[in-house]
Amino acid sequence: MAENRLTYRLLTGPDDSSFCHRVSDAIAEGYVLHGSPAITANGGKIVVAQAVILPSFDPADAR
């Protein structure tokens, strides 16, 4: 795992297996899912997004 990882990441991309692999890789790196996934259509293509955070992140501290 790389040092100085981002506390929060928003993963986006087409709704395909490569997106699922990117989310799975983030989880394997120690991130946890944050909130529900989002899905939208962009010019007929389905685009998904999933936020991930490091478990030590406290959103209350970010205010």
PDB file of N, CA and C in Angstrom:
ATOM      1  N   MET A   1       0.843  -1.187   0.000  1.00  0.00           N
ATOM      2  CA  MET A   1       0.000   0.000   0.000  1.00  0.00           C
ATOM      3  C   MET A   1       0.885   1.245   0.000  1.00  0.00           C
ATOM      4  N   ALA A   2       0.436   2.223  -0.733  1.00  0.00           N
ATOM      5  CA  ALA A   2       1.207   3.458  -0.836  1.00  0.00           C
ATOM      6  C   ALA A   2       0.997   4.323   0.401  1.00  0.00           C
ATOM      7  N   GLU A   3       2.053   5.024   0.790  1.00  0.00           N
ATOM      8  CA  GLU A   3       1.942   5.984   1.883  1.00  0.00           C
ATOM      9  C   GLU A   3       1.196   7.215   1.369  1.00  0.00           C
ATOM     10  N   ASN A   4       0.687   8.027   2.295  1.00  0.00           N
ATOM     11  CA  ASN A   4      -0.018   9.258   1.939  1.00  0.00           C
ATOM     12  C   ASN A   4      -1.220   9.004   1.033  1.00  0.00           C
ATOM     13  N   ARG A   5      -1.964   7.966   1.340  1.00  0.00           N
ATOM     14  CA  ARG A   5      -3.168   7.686   0.557  1.00  0.00           C
ATOM     15  C   ARG A   5      -4.209   8.759   0.831  1.00  0.00           C
ATOM     16  N   LEU A   6      -5.044   9.014  -0.128  1.00  0.00           N
ATOM     17  CA  LEU A   6      -6.140   9.953   0.051  1.00  0.00           C
ATOM     18  C   LEU A   6      -7.123   9.367   1.059  1.00  0.00           C
ATOM     19  N   THR A   7      -7.638  10.193   1.938  1.00  0.00           N
ATOM     20  CA  THR A   7      -8.606   9.751   2.925  1.00  0.00           C
ATOM     21  C   THR A   7      -9.942   9.415   2.262  1.00  0.00           C
ATOM     22  N   TYR A   8     -10.280  10.185   1.235  1.00  0.00           N
ATOM     23  CA  TYR A   8     -11.559  10.034   0.534  1.00  0.00           C
ATOM     24  C   TYR A   8     -11.277   9.883  -0.940  1.00  0.00           C
ATOM     25  N   ARG A   9     -11.941   8.948  -1.565  1.00  0.00           N
ATOM     26  CA  ARG A   9     -11.840   8.783  -3.016  1.00  0.00           C
ATOM     27  C   ARG A   9     -13.238   8.566  -3.574  1.00  0.00           C
ATOM     28  N   LEU A  10     -13.493   9.140  -4.741  1.00  0.00           N
ATOM     29  CA  LEU A  10     -14.734   8.895  -5.461  1.00  0.00           C
ATOM     30  C   LEU A  10     -14.364   8.169  -6.743  1.00  0.00           C
ATOM     31  N   LEU A  11     -14.757   6.924  -6.806  1.00  0.00           N
ATOM     32  CA  LEU A  11     -14.479   6.113  -7.984  1.00  0.00           C
ATOM     33  C   LEU A  11     -15.647   6.244  -8.945  1.00  0.00           C
ATOM     34  N   THR A  12     -15.363   6.503 -10.213  1.00  0.00           N
ATOM     35  CA  THR A  12     -16.409   6.647 -11.224  1.00  0.00           C
ATOM     36  C   THR A  12     -16.012   5.882 -12.472  1.00  0.00           C
ATOM     37  N   GLY A  13     -16.998   5.548 -13.266  1.00  0.00           N
ATOM     38  CA  GLY A  13     -16.711   4.893 -14.530  1.00  0.00           C
ATOM     39  C   GLY A  13     -17.932   4.201 -15.085  1.00  0.00           C
ATOM     40  N   PRO A  14     -17.747   3.568 -16.239  1.00  0.00           N
ATOM     41  CA  PRO A  14     -18.869   2.828 -16.829  1.00  0.00           C
ATOM     42  C   PRO A  14     -19.250   1.650 -15.939  1.00  0.00           C
ATOM     43  N   ASP A  15     -20.496   1.258 -16.002  1.00  0.00           N
ATOM     44  CA  ASP A  15     -20.993   0.148 -15.192  1.00  0.00           C
ATOM     45  C   ASP A  15     -20.555  -1.166 -15.836  1.00  0.00           C
ATOM     46  N   ASP A  16     -19.324  -1.564 -15.549  1.00  0.00           N
ATOM     47  CA  ASP A  16     -18.791  -2.791 -16.115  1.00  0.00           C
ATOM     48  C   ASP A  16     -17.897  -3.487 -15.084  1.00  0.00           C
ATOM     49  N   SER A  17     -17.338  -4.602 -15.458  1.00  0.00           N
ATOM     50  CA  SER A  17     -16.532  -5.368 -14.506  1.00  0.00           C
ATOM     51  C   SER A  17     -15.271  -4.620 -14.084  1.00  0.00           C
ATOM     52  N   SER A  18     -14.725  -3.769 -14.956  1.00  0.00           N
ATOM     53  CA  SER A  18     -13.512  -3.036 -14.557  1.00  0.00           C
ATOM     54  C   SER A  18     -13.810  -2.073 -13.412  1.00  0.00           C
ATOM     55  N   PHE A  19     -15.000  -1.475 -13.400  1.00  0.00           N
ATOM     56  CA  PHE A  19     -15.385  -0.607 -12.290  1.00  0.00           C
ATOM     57  C   PHE A  19     -15.480  -1.433 -11.005  1.00  0.00           C
ATOM     58  N   CYS A  20     -16.118  -2.596 -11.084  1.00  0.00           N
ATOM     59  CA  CYS A  20     -16.238  -3.456  -9.903  1.00  0.00           C
ATOM     60  C   CYS A  20     -14.865  -3.863  -9.396  1.00  0.00           C
ATOM     61  N   HIS A  21     -13.928  -4.125 -10.299  1.00  0.00           N
ATOM     62  CA  HIS A  21     -12.569  -4.479  -9.886  1.00  0.00           C
ATOM     63  C   HIS A  21     -11.895  -3.301  -9.192  1.00  0.00           C
ATOM     64  N   ARG A  22     -12.114  -2.076  -9.669  1.00  0.00           N
ATOM     65  CA  ARG A  22     -11.513  -0.892  -9.036  1.00  0.00           C
ATOM     66  C   ARG A  22     -12.045  -0.710  -7.624  1.00  0.00           C
ATOM     67  N   VAL A  23     -13.338  -0.912  -7.433  1.00  0.00           N
ATOM     68  CA  VAL A  23     -13.913  -0.815  -6.083  1.00  0.00           C
ATOM     69  C   VAL A  23     -13.356  -1.936  -5.211  1.00  0.00           C
ATOM     70  N   SER A  24     -13.296  -3.144  -5.745  1.00  0.00           N
ATOM     71  CA  SER A  24     -12.743  -4.270  -4.988  1.00  0.00           C
ATOM     72  C   SER A  24     -11.287  -4.030  -4.614  1.00  0.00           C
ATOM     73  N   ASP A  25     -10.508  -3.464  -5.529  1.00  0.00           N
ATOM     74  CA  ASP A  25      -9.101  -3.152  -5.243  1.00  0.00           C
ATOM     75  C   ASP A  25      -8.985  -2.132  -4.118  1.00  0.00           C
ATOM     76  N   ALA A  26      -9.852  -1.112  -4.135  1.00  0.00           N
ATOM     77  CA  ALA A  26      -9.823  -0.099  -3.081  1.00  0.00           C
ATOM     78  C   ALA A  26     -10.129  -0.739  -1.728  1.00  0.00           C
ATOM     79  N   ILE A  27     -11.096  -1.645  -1.697  1.00  0.00           N
ATOM     80  CA  ILE A  27     -11.428  -2.342  -0.456  1.00  0.00           C
ATOM     81  C   ILE A  27     -10.237  -3.172   0.015  1.00  0.00           C
ATOM     82  N   ALA A  28      -9.578  -3.842  -0.911  1.00  0.00           N
ATOM     83  CA  ALA A  28      -8.397  -4.645  -0.563  1.00  0.00           C
ATOM     84  C   ALA A  28      -7.263  -3.768  -0.027  1.00  0.00           C
ATOM     85  N   GLU A  29      -7.226  -2.489  -0.445  1.00  0.00           N
ATOM     86  CA  GLU A  29      -6.202  -1.551   0.026  1.00  0.00           C
ATOM     87  C   GLU A  29      -6.545  -0.959   1.394  1.00  0.00           C
ATOM     88  N   GLY A  30      -7.711  -1.332   1.946  1.00  0.00           N
ATOM     89  CA  GLY A  30      -8.077  -0.854   3.271  1.00  0.00           C
ATOM     90  C   GLY A  30      -9.181   0.183   3.302  1.00  0.00           C
ATOM     91  N   TYR A  31      -9.706   0.572   2.140  1.00  0.00           N
ATOM     92  CA  TYR A  31     -10.810   1.523   2.102  1.00  0.00           C
ATOM     93  C   TYR A  31     -12.116   0.801   2.426  1.00  0.00           C
ATOM     94  N   VAL A  32     -13.109   1.558   2.893  1.00  0.00           N
ATOM     95  CA  VAL A  32     -14.450   1.023   3.119  1.00  0.00           C
ATOM     96  C   VAL A  32     -15.432   1.868   2.325  1.00  0.00           C
ATOM     97  N   LEU A  33     -16.545   1.248   1.954  1.00  0.00           N
ATOM     98  CA  LEU A  33     -17.572   1.970   1.202  1.00  0.00           C
ATOM     99  C   LEU A  33     -18.143   3.086   2.066  1.00  0.00           C
ATOM    100  N   HIS A  34     -18.443   4.210   1.426  1.00  0.00           N
ATOM    101  CA  HIS A  34     -19.020   5.353   2.135  1.00  0.00           C
ATOM    102  C   HIS A  34     -20.263   5.786   1.370  1.00  0.00           C
ATOM    103  N   GLY A  35     -21.425   5.545   1.953  1.00  0.00           N
ATOM    104  CA  GLY A  35     -22.667   5.897   1.286  1.00  0.00           C
ATOM    105  C   GLY A  35     -23.043   4.899   0.215  1.00  0.00           C
ATOM    106  N   SER A  36     -24.136   5.198  -0.437  1.00  0.00           N
ATOM    107  CA  SER A  36     -24.660   4.331  -1.490  1.00  0.00           C
ATOM    108  C   SER A  36     -24.010   4.665  -2.825  1.00  0.00           C
ATOM    109  N   PRO A  37     -23.958   3.692  -3.723  1.00  0.00           N
ATOM    110  CA  PRO A  37     -23.460   4.004  -5.065  1.00  0.00           C
ATOM    111  C   PRO A  37     -24.461   4.891  -5.797  1.00  0.00           C
ATOM    112  N   ALA A  38     -23.970   5.594  -6.791  1.00  0.00           N
ATOM    113  CA  ALA A  38     -24.827   6.434  -7.632  1.00  0.00           C
ATOM    114  C   ALA A  38     -24.744   5.910  -9.058  1.00  0.00           C
ATOM    115  N   ILE A  39     -25.823   6.093  -9.808  1.00  0.00           N
ATOM    116  CA  ILE A  39     -25.857   5.647 -11.198  1.00  0.00           C
ATOM    117  C   ILE A  39     -26.596   6.691 -12.028  1.00  0.00           C
ATOM    118  N   THR A  40     -26.092   6.951 -13.226  1.00  0.00           N
ATOM    119  CA  THR A  40     -26.727   7.907 -14.118  1.00  0.00           C
ATOM    120  C   THR A  40     -26.460   7.500 -15.562  1.00  0.00           C
ATOM    121  N   ALA A  41     -27.189   8.092 -16.469  1.00  0.00           N
ATOM    122  CA  ALA A  41     -26.956   7.858 -17.895  1.00  0.00           C
ATOM    123  C   ALA A  41     -26.322   9.106 -18.482  1.00  0.00           C
ATOM    124  N   ASN A  42     -25.311   8.893 -19.310  1.00  0.00           N
ATOM    125  CA  ASN A  42     -24.613   9.998 -19.953  1.00  0.00           C
ATOM    126  C   ASN A  42     -24.509   9.666 -21.438  1.00  0.00           C
ATOM    127  N   GLY A  43     -25.378  10.281 -22.238  1.00  0.00           N
ATOM    128  CA  GLY A  43     -25.375  10.002 -23.666  1.00  0.00           C
ATOM    129  C   GLY A  43     -25.664   8.549 -23.992  1.00  0.00           C
ATOM    130  N   GLY A  44     -26.528   7.927 -23.219  1.00  0.00           N
ATOM    131  CA  GLY A  44     -26.877   6.541 -23.465  1.00  0.00           C
ATOM    132  C   GLY A  44     -25.975   5.543 -22.766  1.00  0.00           C
ATOM    133  N   LYS A  45     -24.874   5.991 -22.166  1.00  0.00           N
ATOM    134  CA  LYS A  45     -23.980   5.104 -21.428  1.00  0.00           C
ATOM    135  C   LYS A  45     -24.285   5.210 -19.938  1.00  0.00           C
ATOM    136  N   ILE A  46     -24.247   4.093 -19.253  1.00  0.00           N
ATOM    137  CA  ILE A  46     -24.483   4.067 -17.823  1.00  0.00           C
ATOM    138  C   ILE A  46     -23.163   4.346 -17.109  1.00  0.00           C
ATOM    139  N   VAL A  47     -23.186   5.324 -16.190  1.00  0.00           N
ATOM    140  CA  VAL A  47     -22.009   5.702 -15.419  1.00  0.00           C
ATOM    141  C   VAL A  47     -22.351   5.518 -13.941  1.00  0.00           C
ATOM    142  N   VAL A  48     -21.417   4.914 -13.201  1.00  0.00           N
ATOM    143  CA  VAL A  48     -21.628   4.667 -11.779  1.00  0.00           C
ATOM    144  C   VAL A  48     -20.545   5.363 -10.967  1.00  0.00           C
ATOM    145  N   ALA A  49     -20.836   5.586  -9.694  1.00  0.00           N
ATOM    146  CA  ALA A  49     -19.880   6.216  -8.778  1.00  0.00           C
ATOM    147  C   ALA A  49     -20.035   5.575  -7.411  1.00  0.00           C
ATOM    148  N   GLN A  50     -18.903   5.432  -6.724  1.00  0.00           N
ATOM    149  CA  GLN A  50     -18.912   4.919  -5.356  1.00  0.00           C
ATOM    150  C   GLN A  50     -17.817   5.627  -4.572  1.00  0.00           C
ATOM    151  N   ALA A  51     -18.196   6.216  -3.455  1.00  0.00           N
ATOM    152  CA  ALA A  51     -17.222   6.846  -2.570  1.00  0.00           C
ATOM    153  C   ALA A  51     -16.640   5.786  -1.649  1.00  0.00           C
ATOM    154  N   VAL A  52     -15.341   5.925  -1.373  1.00  0.00           N
ATOM    155  CA  VAL A  52     -14.658   5.066  -0.409  1.00  0.00           C
ATOM    156  C   VAL A  52     -13.820   5.957   0.501  1.00  0.00           C
ATOM    157  N   ILE A  53     -13.694   5.543   1.759  1.00  0.00           N
ATOM    158  CA  ILE A  53     -12.889   6.294   2.722  1.00  0.00           C
ATOM    159  C   ILE A  53     -12.015   5.325   3.500  1.00  0.00           C
ATOM    160  N   LEU A  54     -10.956   5.855   4.078  1.00  0.00           N
ATOM    161  CA  LEU A  54     -10.160   5.060   5.001  1.00  0.00           C
ATOM    162  C   LEU A  54     -10.924   4.959   6.316  1.00  0.00           C
ATOM    163  N   PRO A  55     -10.900   3.830   6.988  1.00  0.00           N
ATOM    164  CA  PRO A  55     -11.688   3.651   8.212  1.00  0.00           C
ATOM    165  C   PRO A  55     -11.373   4.670   9.305  1.00  0.00           C
ATOM    166  N   SER A  56     -10.178   5.220   9.306  1.00  0.00           N
ATOM    167  CA  SER A  56      -9.810   6.179  10.352  1.00  0.00           C
ATOM    168  C   SER A  56     -10.410   7.559  10.117  1.00  0.00           C
ATOM    169  N   PHE A  57     -11.044   7.789   8.962  1.00  0.00           N
ATOM    170  CA  PHE A  57     -11.607   9.094   8.637  1.00  0.00           C
ATOM    171  C   PHE A  57     -12.897   9.328   9.397  1.00  0.00           C
ATOM    172  N   ASP A  58     -13.007  10.477  10.058  1.00  0.00           N
ATOM    173  CA  ASP A  58     -14.226  10.870  10.758  1.00  0.00           C
ATOM    174  C   ASP A  58     -14.778  12.108  10.058  1.00  0.00           C
ATOM    175  N   PRO A  59     -15.902  11.990   9.326  1.00  0.00           N
ATOM    176  CA  PRO A  59     -16.443  13.138   8.599  1.00  0.00           C
ATOM    177  C   PRO A  59     -16.676  14.353   9.490  1.00  0.00           C
ATOM    178  N   ALA A  60     -16.954  14.157  10.773  1.00  0.00           N
ATOM    179  CA  ALA A  60     -17.184  15.282  11.686  1.00  0.00           C
ATOM    180  C   ALA A  60     -15.920  16.124  11.831  1.00  0.00           C
ATOM    181  N   ASP A  61     -14.745  15.495  11.694  1.00  0.00           N
ATOM    182  CA  ASP A  61     -13.491  16.242  11.798  1.00  0.00           C
ATOM    183  C   ASP A  61     -13.229  17.118  10.573  1.00  0.00           C
ATOM    184  N   ALA A  62     -13.912  16.834   9.462  1.00  0.00           N
ATOM    185  CA  ALA A  62     -13.673  17.575   8.217  1.00  0.00           C
ATOM    186  C   ALA A  62     -14.434  18.893   8.169  1.00  0.00           C
ATOM    187  N   ARG A  63     -15.292  19.125   9.131  1.00  0.00           N
ATOM    188  CA  ARG A  63     -16.110  20.350   9.116  1.00  0.00           C
ATOM    189  C   ARG A  63     -15.329  21.533   9.588  1.00  0.00           C
TER     190      ARG A  63
END
